[in-house]
Amino acid sequence: MSEVKYVVEVKKVDKVQKVPKEILDEIKGVVGGKMLTNMRKEVISCPICGGEVPFLICFTCKNFIRRVSGKVHCKGLPLT
C-alpha cells in the first residue's frame, strides 16, 4: 500500500476552474455530470506544484491516492 506523505484539504471556490480537455474527457466516463460540475469548483493547495491547483488535475495526478472527508491523500513524489 502507498504511503501518504501529504494530506491536503479540498477548498470550494465560486468560479469553475479551467481544466485541460484531455483530463475532462478522461474523467467523464468515471464521474457523473453533476458531480463533475461540483468537482470543477474545487481547488487544493498542492505541496508538489507549490500553488493552487484545480481538484480534477490533482485527481488525475500519479501522486493521488484517495480523497476522504474533504481531504486528499498524496504520495508526495516529484513530478516529471
PDB file of N, CA and C in Angstrom:
ATOM      1  N   MET A   1       0.832  -1.196   0.000  1.00  0.00           N
ATOM      2  CA  MET A   1       0.000   0.000   0.000  1.00  0.00           C
ATOM      3  C   MET A   1       0.868   1.248   0.000  1.00  0.00           C
ATOM      4  N   SER A   2       0.420   2.277  -0.691  1.00  0.00           N
ATOM      5  CA  SER A   2       1.191   3.514  -0.808  1.00  0.00           C
ATOM      6  C   SER A   2       1.196   4.278   0.500  1.00  0.00           C
ATOM      7  N   GLU A   3       2.330   4.898   0.781  1.00  0.00           N
ATOM      8  CA  GLU A   3       2.452   5.684   1.996  1.00  0.00           C
ATOM      9  C   GLU A   3       2.021   7.124   1.736  1.00  0.00           C
ATOM     10  N   VAL A   4       1.230   7.670   2.617  1.00  0.00           N
ATOM     11  CA  VAL A   4       0.747   9.041   2.491  1.00  0.00           C
ATOM     12  C   VAL A   4       1.797   9.984   3.042  1.00  0.00           C
ATOM     13  N   LYS A   5       2.245  10.935   2.206  1.00  0.00           N
ATOM     14  CA  LYS A   5       3.211  11.926   2.655  1.00  0.00           C
ATOM     15  C   LYS A   5       2.511  13.234   3.016  1.00  0.00           C
ATOM     16  N   TYR A   6       1.474  13.594   2.242  1.00  0.00           N
ATOM     17  CA  TYR A   6       0.738  14.829   2.493  1.00  0.00           C
ATOM     18  C   TYR A   6      -0.758  14.536   2.580  1.00  0.00           C
ATOM     19  N   VAL A   7      -1.432  15.290   3.426  1.00  0.00           N
ATOM     20  CA  VAL A   7      -2.896  15.294   3.489  1.00  0.00           C
ATOM     21  C   VAL A   7      -3.299  16.744   3.267  1.00  0.00           C
ATOM     22  N   VAL A   8      -3.991  17.000   2.146  1.00  0.00           N
ATOM     23  CA  VAL A   8      -4.306  18.359   1.725  1.00  0.00           C
ATOM     24  C   VAL A   8      -5.818  18.547   1.721  1.00  0.00           C
ATOM     25  N   GLU A   9      -6.275  19.683   2.247  1.00  0.00           N
ATOM     26  CA  GLU A   9      -7.707  19.971   2.309  1.00  0.00           C
ATOM     27  C   GLU A   9      -8.215  20.481   0.968  1.00  0.00           C
ATOM     28  N   VAL A  10      -9.413  20.030   0.583  1.00  0.00           N
ATOM     29  CA  VAL A  10     -10.083  20.481  -0.643  1.00  0.00           C
ATOM     30  C   VAL A  10     -10.913  21.708  -0.293  1.00  0.00           C
ATOM     31  N   LYS A  11     -10.748  22.790  -1.092  1.00  0.00           N
ATOM     32  CA  LYS A  11     -11.481  24.037  -0.841  1.00  0.00           C
ATOM     33  C   LYS A  11     -12.461  24.299  -1.974  1.00  0.00           C
ATOM     34  N   LYS A  12     -13.641  24.825  -1.627  1.00  0.00           N
ATOM     35  CA  LYS A  12     -14.644  25.214  -2.623  1.00  0.00           C
ATOM     36  C   LYS A  12     -14.374  26.653  -3.058  1.00  0.00           C
ATOM     37  N   VAL A  13     -14.554  26.920  -4.354  1.00  0.00           N
ATOM     38  CA  VAL A  13     -14.466  28.275  -4.900  1.00  0.00           C
ATOM     39  C   VAL A  13     -15.743  28.557  -5.690  1.00  0.00           C
ATOM     40  N   ASP A  14     -15.982  29.830  -5.987  1.00  0.00           N
ATOM     41  CA  ASP A  14     -17.215  30.210  -6.682  1.00  0.00           C
ATOM     42  C   ASP A  14     -17.163  29.949  -8.182  1.00  0.00           C
ATOM     43  N   LYS A  15     -15.990  30.158  -8.787  1.00  0.00           N
ATOM     44  CA  LYS A  15     -15.876  30.026 -10.240  1.00  0.00           C
ATOM     45  C   LYS A  15     -15.428  28.627 -10.641  1.00  0.00           C
ATOM     46  N   VAL A  16     -15.901  28.186 -11.803  1.00  0.00           N
ATOM     47  CA  VAL A  16     -15.460  26.914 -12.367  1.00  0.00           C
ATOM     48  C   VAL A  16     -13.997  27.064 -12.795  1.00  0.00           C
ATOM     49  N   GLN A  17     -13.160  26.112 -12.417  1.00  0.00           N
ATOM     50  CA  GLN A  17     -11.737  26.147 -12.727  1.00  0.00           C
ATOM     51  C   GLN A  17     -11.473  25.605 -14.129  1.00  0.00           C
ATOM     52  N   LYS A  18     -10.495  26.210 -14.818  1.00  0.00           N
ATOM     53  CA  LYS A  18     -10.120  25.736 -16.152  1.00  0.00           C
ATOM     54  C   LYS A  18      -9.307  24.456 -16.017  1.00  0.00           C
ATOM     55  N   VAL A  19      -9.722  23.455 -16.775  1.00  0.00           N
ATOM     56  CA  VAL A  19      -9.065  22.153 -16.753  1.00  0.00           C
ATOM     57  C   VAL A  19      -8.859  21.729 -18.206  1.00  0.00           C
ATOM     58  N   PRO A  20      -7.677  21.184 -18.551  1.00  0.00           N
ATOM     59  CA  PRO A  20      -7.451  20.738 -19.937  1.00  0.00           C
ATOM     60  C   PRO A  20      -8.504  19.734 -20.396  1.00  0.00           C
ATOM     61  N   LYS A  21      -8.872  19.821 -21.669  1.00  0.00           N
ATOM     62  CA  LYS A  21      -9.923  18.977 -22.248  1.00  0.00           C
ATOM     63  C   LYS A  21      -9.602  17.489 -22.119  1.00  0.00           C
ATOM     64  N   GLU A  22      -8.336  17.116 -22.227  1.00  0.00           N
ATOM     65  CA  GLU A  22      -7.940  15.706 -22.123  1.00  0.00           C
ATOM     66  C   GLU A  22      -8.324  15.138 -20.755  1.00  0.00           C
ATOM     67  N   ILE A  23      -8.126  15.945 -19.711  1.00  0.00           N
ATOM     68  CA  ILE A  23      -8.447  15.492 -18.357  1.00  0.00           C
ATOM     69  C   ILE A  23      -9.955  15.346 -18.200  1.00  0.00           C
ATOM     70  N   LEU A  24     -10.719  16.306 -18.720  1.00  0.00           N
ATOM     71  CA  LEU A  24     -12.187  16.221 -18.638  1.00  0.00           C
ATOM     72  C   LEU A  24     -12.699  14.980 -19.362  1.00  0.00           C
ATOM     73  N   ASP A  25     -12.161  14.707 -20.558  1.00  0.00           N
ATOM     74  CA  ASP A  25     -12.588  13.533 -21.316  1.00  0.00           C
ATOM     75  C   ASP A  25     -12.263  12.241 -20.571  1.00  0.00           C
ATOM     76  N   GLU A  26     -11.112  12.223 -19.905  1.00  0.00           N
ATOM     77  CA  GLU A  26     -10.670  11.047 -19.153  1.00  0.00           C
ATOM     78  C   GLU A  26     -11.607  10.776 -17.964  1.00  0.00           C
ATOM     79  N   ILE A  27     -12.098  11.833 -17.327  1.00  0.00           N
ATOM     80  CA  ILE A  27     -12.907  11.700 -16.116  1.00  0.00           C
ATOM     81  C   ILE A  27     -14.387  11.497 -16.421  1.00  0.00           C
ATOM     82  N   LYS A  28     -14.864  11.960 -17.577  1.00  0.00           N
ATOM     83  CA  LYS A  28     -16.294  11.899 -17.899  1.00  0.00           C
ATOM     84  C   LYS A  28     -16.880  10.492 -17.798  1.00  0.00           C
ATOM     85  N   GLY A  29     -16.138   9.475 -18.134  1.00  0.00           N
ATOM     86  CA  GLY A  29     -16.643   8.111 -18.052  1.00  0.00           C
ATOM     87  C   GLY A  29     -16.714   7.574 -16.637  1.00  0.00           C
ATOM     88  N   VAL A  30     -16.010   8.209 -15.705  1.00  0.00           N
ATOM     89  CA  VAL A  30     -15.916   7.721 -14.332  1.00  0.00           C
ATOM     90  C   VAL A  30     -16.892   8.440 -13.402  1.00  0.00           C
ATOM     91  N   VAL A  31     -17.073   9.742 -13.631  1.00  0.00           N
ATOM     92  CA  VAL A  31     -17.842  10.593 -12.725  1.00  0.00           C
ATOM     93  C   VAL A  31     -19.077  11.130 -13.436  1.00  0.00           C
ATOM     94  N   GLY A  32     -20.199  11.217 -12.723  1.00  0.00           N
ATOM     95  CA  GLY A  32     -21.431  11.755 -13.287  1.00  0.00           C
ATOM     96  C   GLY A  32     -21.353  13.253 -13.539  1.00  0.00           C
ATOM     97  N   GLY A  33     -22.277  13.775 -14.344  1.00  0.00           N
ATOM     98  CA  GLY A  33     -22.273  15.172 -14.753  1.00  0.00           C
ATOM     99  C   GLY A  33     -22.360  16.167 -13.617  1.00  0.00           C
ATOM    100  N   LYS A  34     -23.282  15.964 -12.684  1.00  0.00           N
ATOM    101  CA  LYS A  34     -23.446  16.909 -11.585  1.00  0.00           C
ATOM    102  C   LYS A  34     -22.233  16.888 -10.661  1.00  0.00           C
ATOM    103  N   MET A  35     -21.705  15.701 -10.401  1.00  0.00           N
ATOM    104  CA  MET A  35     -20.525  15.592  -9.552  1.00  0.00           C
ATOM    105  C   MET A  35     -19.324  16.249 -10.227  1.00  0.00           C
ATOM    106  N   LEU A  36     -19.209  16.079 -11.539  1.00  0.00           N
ATOM    107  CA  LEU A  36     -18.114  16.695 -12.291  1.00  0.00           C
ATOM    108  C   LEU A  36     -18.194  18.214 -12.188  1.00  0.00           C
ATOM    109  N   THR A  37     -19.391  18.773 -12.289  1.00  0.00           N
ATOM    110  CA  THR A  37     -19.572  20.220 -12.158  1.00  0.00           C
ATOM    111  C   THR A  37     -19.135  20.691 -10.776  1.00  0.00           C
ATOM    112  N   ASN A  38     -19.501  19.947  -9.742  1.00  0.00           N
ATOM    113  CA  ASN A  38     -19.082  20.310  -8.383  1.00  0.00           C
ATOM    114  C   ASN A  38     -17.566  20.201  -8.226  1.00  0.00           C
ATOM    115  N   MET A  39     -16.960  19.178  -8.797  1.00  0.00           N
ATOM    116  CA  MET A  39     -15.511  18.984  -8.687  1.00  0.00           C
ATOM    117  C   MET A  39     -14.736  20.090  -9.412  1.00  0.00           C
ATOM    118  N   ARG A  40     -15.340  20.664 -10.456  1.00  0.00           N
ATOM    119  CA  ARG A  40     -14.681  21.755 -11.183  1.00  0.00           C
ATOM    120  C   ARG A  40     -14.644  23.042 -10.375  1.00  0.00           C
ATOM    121  N   LYS A  41     -15.414  23.102  -9.282  1.00  0.00           N
ATOM    122  CA  LYS A  41     -15.424  24.280  -8.412  1.00  0.00           C
ATOM    123  C   LYS A  41     -14.608  24.042  -7.151  1.00  0.00           C
ATOM    124  N   GLU A  42     -13.669  23.106  -7.197  1.00  0.00           N
ATOM    125  CA  GLU A  42     -12.830  22.793  -6.047  1.00  0.00           C
ATOM    126  C   GLU A  42     -11.360  22.950  -6.410  1.00  0.00           C
ATOM    127  N   VAL A  43     -10.571  23.425  -5.437  1.00  0.00           N
ATOM    128  CA  VAL A  43      -9.128  23.568  -5.616  1.00  0.00           C
ATOM    129  C   VAL A  43      -8.421  22.968  -4.405  1.00  0.00           C
ATOM    130  N   ILE A  44      -7.149  22.660  -4.598  1.00  0.00           N
ATOM    131  CA  ILE A  44      -6.306  22.228  -3.481  1.00  0.00           C
ATOM    132  C   ILE A  44      -5.033  23.056  -3.514  1.00  0.00           C
ATOM    133  N   SER A  45      -4.377  23.159  -2.390  1.00  0.00           N
ATOM    134  CA  SER A  45      -3.085  23.828  -2.310  1.00  0.00           C
ATOM    135  C   SER A  45      -2.031  22.734  -2.447  1.00  0.00           C
ATOM    136  N   CYS A  46      -1.541  22.537  -3.659  1.00  0.00           N
ATOM    137  CA  CYS A  46      -0.657  21.401  -3.975  1.00  0.00           C
ATOM    138  C   CYS A  46       0.739  21.584  -3.374  1.00  0.00           C
ATOM    139  N   PRO A  47       1.191  20.634  -2.550  1.00  0.00           N
ATOM    140  CA  PRO A  47       2.534  20.725  -1.970  1.00  0.00           C
ATOM    141  C   PRO A  47       3.634  20.442  -2.997  1.00  0.00           C
ATOM    142  N   ILE A  48       3.317  19.774  -4.087  1.00  0.00           N
ATOM    143  CA  ILE A  48       4.301  19.442  -5.111  1.00  0.00           C
ATOM    144  C   ILE A  48       4.478  20.607  -6.080  1.00  0.00           C
ATOM    145  N   CYS A  49       3.358  21.137  -6.590  1.00  0.00           N
ATOM    146  CA  CYS A  49       3.398  22.249  -7.555  1.00  0.00           C
ATOM    147  C   CYS A  49       3.670  23.584  -6.875  1.00  0.00           C
ATOM    148  N   GLY A  50       3.339  23.685  -5.601  1.00  0.00           N
ATOM    149  CA  GLY A  50       3.576  24.915  -4.867  1.00  0.00           C
ATOM    150  C   GLY A  50       2.548  26.005  -5.121  1.00  0.00           C
ATOM    151  N   GLY A  51       1.322  25.640  -5.385  1.00  0.00           N
ATOM    152  CA  GLY A  51       0.275  26.630  -5.607  1.00  0.00           C
ATOM    153  C   GLY A  51      -1.087  25.977  -5.628  1.00  0.00           C
ATOM    154  N   GLU A  52      -2.113  26.781  -5.925  1.00  0.00           N
ATOM    155  CA  GLU A  52      -3.461  26.239  -6.003  1.00  0.00           C
ATOM    156  C   GLU A  52      -3.662  25.547  -7.340  1.00  0.00           C
ATOM    157  N   VAL A  53      -4.236  24.352  -7.284  1.00  0.00           N
ATOM    158  CA  VAL A  53      -4.455  23.520  -8.460  1.00  0.00           C
ATOM    159  C   VAL A  53      -5.912  23.055  -8.446  1.00  0.00           C
ATOM    160  N   PRO A  54      -6.593  23.079  -9.610  1.00  0.00           N
ATOM    161  CA  PRO A  54      -7.946  22.526  -9.641  1.00  0.00           C
ATOM    162  C   PRO A  54      -7.936  21.060  -9.193  1.00  0.00           C
ATOM    163  N   PHE A  55      -8.963  20.660  -8.450  1.00  0.00           N
ATOM    164  CA  PHE A  55      -9.007  19.296  -7.922  1.00  0.00           C
ATOM    165  C   PHE A  55      -8.943  18.251  -9.020  1.00  0.00           C
ATOM    166  N   LEU A  56      -9.569  18.500 -10.173  1.00  0.00           N
ATOM    167  CA  LEU A  56      -9.579  17.496 -11.240  1.00  0.00           C
ATOM    168  C   LEU A  56      -8.167  17.198 -11.750  1.00  0.00           C
ATOM    169  N   ILE A  57      -7.286  18.192 -11.742  1.00  0.00           N
ATOM    170  CA  ILE A  57      -5.890  17.946 -12.138  1.00  0.00           C
ATOM    171  C   ILE A  57      -5.215  17.085 -11.071  1.00  0.00           C
ATOM    172  N   CYS A  58      -5.484  17.381  -9.808  1.00  0.00           N
ATOM    173  CA  CYS A  58      -4.946  16.577  -8.710  1.00  0.00           C
ATOM    174  C   CYS A  58      -5.455  15.136  -8.797  1.00  0.00           C
ATOM    175  N   PHE A  59      -6.741  14.984  -9.133  1.00  0.00           N
ATOM    176  CA  PHE A  59      -7.378  13.669  -9.210  1.00  0.00           C
ATOM    177  C   PHE A  59      -6.701  12.770 -10.242  1.00  0.00           C
ATOM    178  N   THR A  60      -6.164  13.347 -11.310  1.00  0.00           N
ATOM    179  CA  THR A  60      -5.512  12.559 -12.357  1.00  0.00           C
ATOM    180  C   THR A  60      -3.995  12.457 -12.162  1.00  0.00           C
ATOM    181  N   CYS A  61      -3.472  13.080 -11.122  1.00  0.00           N
ATOM    182  CA  CYS A  61      -2.025  13.061 -10.858  1.00  0.00           C
ATOM    183  C   CYS A  61      -1.597  11.673 -10.374  1.00  0.00           C
ATOM    184  N   LYS A  62      -0.362  11.288 -10.698  1.00  0.00           N
ATOM    185  CA  LYS A  62       0.143   9.978 -10.275  1.00  0.00           C
ATOM    186  C   LYS A  62       0.365   9.908  -8.760  1.00  0.00           C
ATOM    187  N   ASN A  63       0.436  11.058  -8.093  1.00  0.00           N
ATOM    188  CA  ASN A  63       0.607  11.092  -6.637  1.00  0.00           C
ATOM    189  C   ASN A  63      -0.695  10.940  -5.863  1.00  0.00           C
ATOM    190  N   PHE A  64      -1.835  11.082  -6.543  1.00  0.00           N
ATOM    191  CA  PHE A  64      -3.131  10.996  -5.882  1.00  0.00           C
ATOM    192  C   PHE A  64      -3.362   9.569  -5.396  1.00  0.00           C
ATOM    193  N   ILE A  65      -3.709   9.434  -4.103  1.00  0.00           N
ATOM    194  CA  ILE A  65      -4.022   8.118  -3.547  1.00  0.00           C
ATOM    195  C   ILE A  65      -5.529   7.983  -3.358  1.00  0.00           C
ATOM    196  N   ARG A  66      -6.125   8.916  -2.585  1.00  0.00           N
ATOM    197  CA  ARG A  66      -7.559   8.871  -2.313  1.00  0.00           C
ATOM    198  C   ARG A  66      -8.016  10.218  -1.797  1.00  0.00           C
ATOM    199  N   ARG A  67      -9.352  10.386  -1.795  1.00  0.00           N
ATOM    200  CA  ARG A  67      -9.975  11.563  -1.200  1.00  0.00           C
ATOM    201  C   ARG A  67     -10.940  11.049  -0.135  1.00  0.00           C
ATOM    202  N   VAL A  68     -10.744  11.514   1.094  1.00  0.00           N
ATOM    203  CA  VAL A  68     -11.582  11.081   2.210  1.00  0.00           C
ATOM    204  C   VAL A  68     -11.993  12.307   3.021  1.00  0.00           C
ATOM    205  N   SER A  69     -13.284  12.477   3.229  1.00  0.00           N
ATOM    206  CA  SER A  69     -13.827  13.551   4.074  1.00  0.00           C
ATOM    207  C   SER A  69     -13.262  14.927   3.728  1.00  0.00           C
ATOM    208  N   GLY A  70     -13.204  15.255   2.439  1.00  0.00           N
ATOM    209  CA  GLY A  70     -12.743  16.571   2.019  1.00  0.00           C
ATOM    210  C   GLY A  70     -11.246  16.774   2.095  1.00  0.00           C
ATOM    211  N   LYS A  71     -10.485  15.691   2.218  1.00  0.00           N
ATOM    212  CA  LYS A  71      -9.023  15.770   2.250  1.00  0.00           C
ATOM    213  C   LYS A  71      -8.447  14.804   1.220  1.00  0.00           C
ATOM    214  N   VAL A  72      -7.374  15.246   0.560  1.00  0.00           N
ATOM    215  CA  VAL A  72      -6.706  14.426  -0.448  1.00  0.00           C
ATOM    216  C   VAL A  72      -5.439  13.845   0.164  1.00  0.00           C
ATOM    217  N   HIS A  73      -5.240  12.562   0.003  1.00  0.00           N
ATOM    218  CA  HIS A  73      -4.011  11.897   0.439  1.00  0.00           C
ATOM    219  C   HIS A  73      -3.076  11.818  -0.759  1.00  0.00           C
ATOM    220  N   CYS A  74      -1.838  12.296  -0.581  1.00  0.00           N
ATOM    221  CA  CYS A  74      -0.881  12.441  -1.677  1.00  0.00           C
ATOM    222  C   CYS A  74       0.412  11.714  -1.344  1.00  0.00           C
ATOM    223  N   LYS A  75       1.007  11.053  -2.357  1.00  0.00           N
ATOM    224  CA  LYS A  75       2.283  10.351  -2.166  1.00  0.00           C
ATOM    225  C   LYS A  75       3.436  11.311  -1.967  1.00  0.00           C
ATOM    226  N   GLY A  76       3.407  12.485  -2.644  1.00  0.00           N
ATOM    227  CA  GLY A  76       4.444  13.483  -2.480  1.00  0.00           C
ATOM    228  C   GLY A  76       5.708  13.228  -3.286  1.00  0.00           C
ATOM    229  N   LEU A  77       5.609  12.394  -4.323  1.00  0.00           N
ATOM    230  CA  LEU A  77       6.768  12.115  -5.171  1.00  0.00           C
ATOM    231  C   LEU A  77       6.963  13.258  -6.165  1.00  0.00           C
ATOM    232  N   PRO A  78       8.210  13.517  -6.602  1.00  0.00           N
ATOM    233  CA  PRO A  78       8.434  14.577  -7.588  1.00  0.00           C
ATOM    234  C   PRO A  78       7.763  14.263  -8.915  1.00  0.00           C
ATOM    235  N   LEU A  79       7.234  15.287  -9.586  1.00  0.00           N
ATOM    236  CA  LEU A  79       6.607  15.114 -10.892  1.00  0.00           C
ATOM    237  C   LEU A  79       7.650  15.234 -11.980  1.00  0.00           C
ATOM    238  N   THR A  80       7.491  14.461 -13.045  1.00  0.00           N
ATOM    239  CA  THR A  80       8.449  14.534 -14.156  1.00  0.00           C
ATOM    240  C   THR A  80       7.944  15.449 -15.237  1.00  0.00           C
TER     241      THR A  80
END
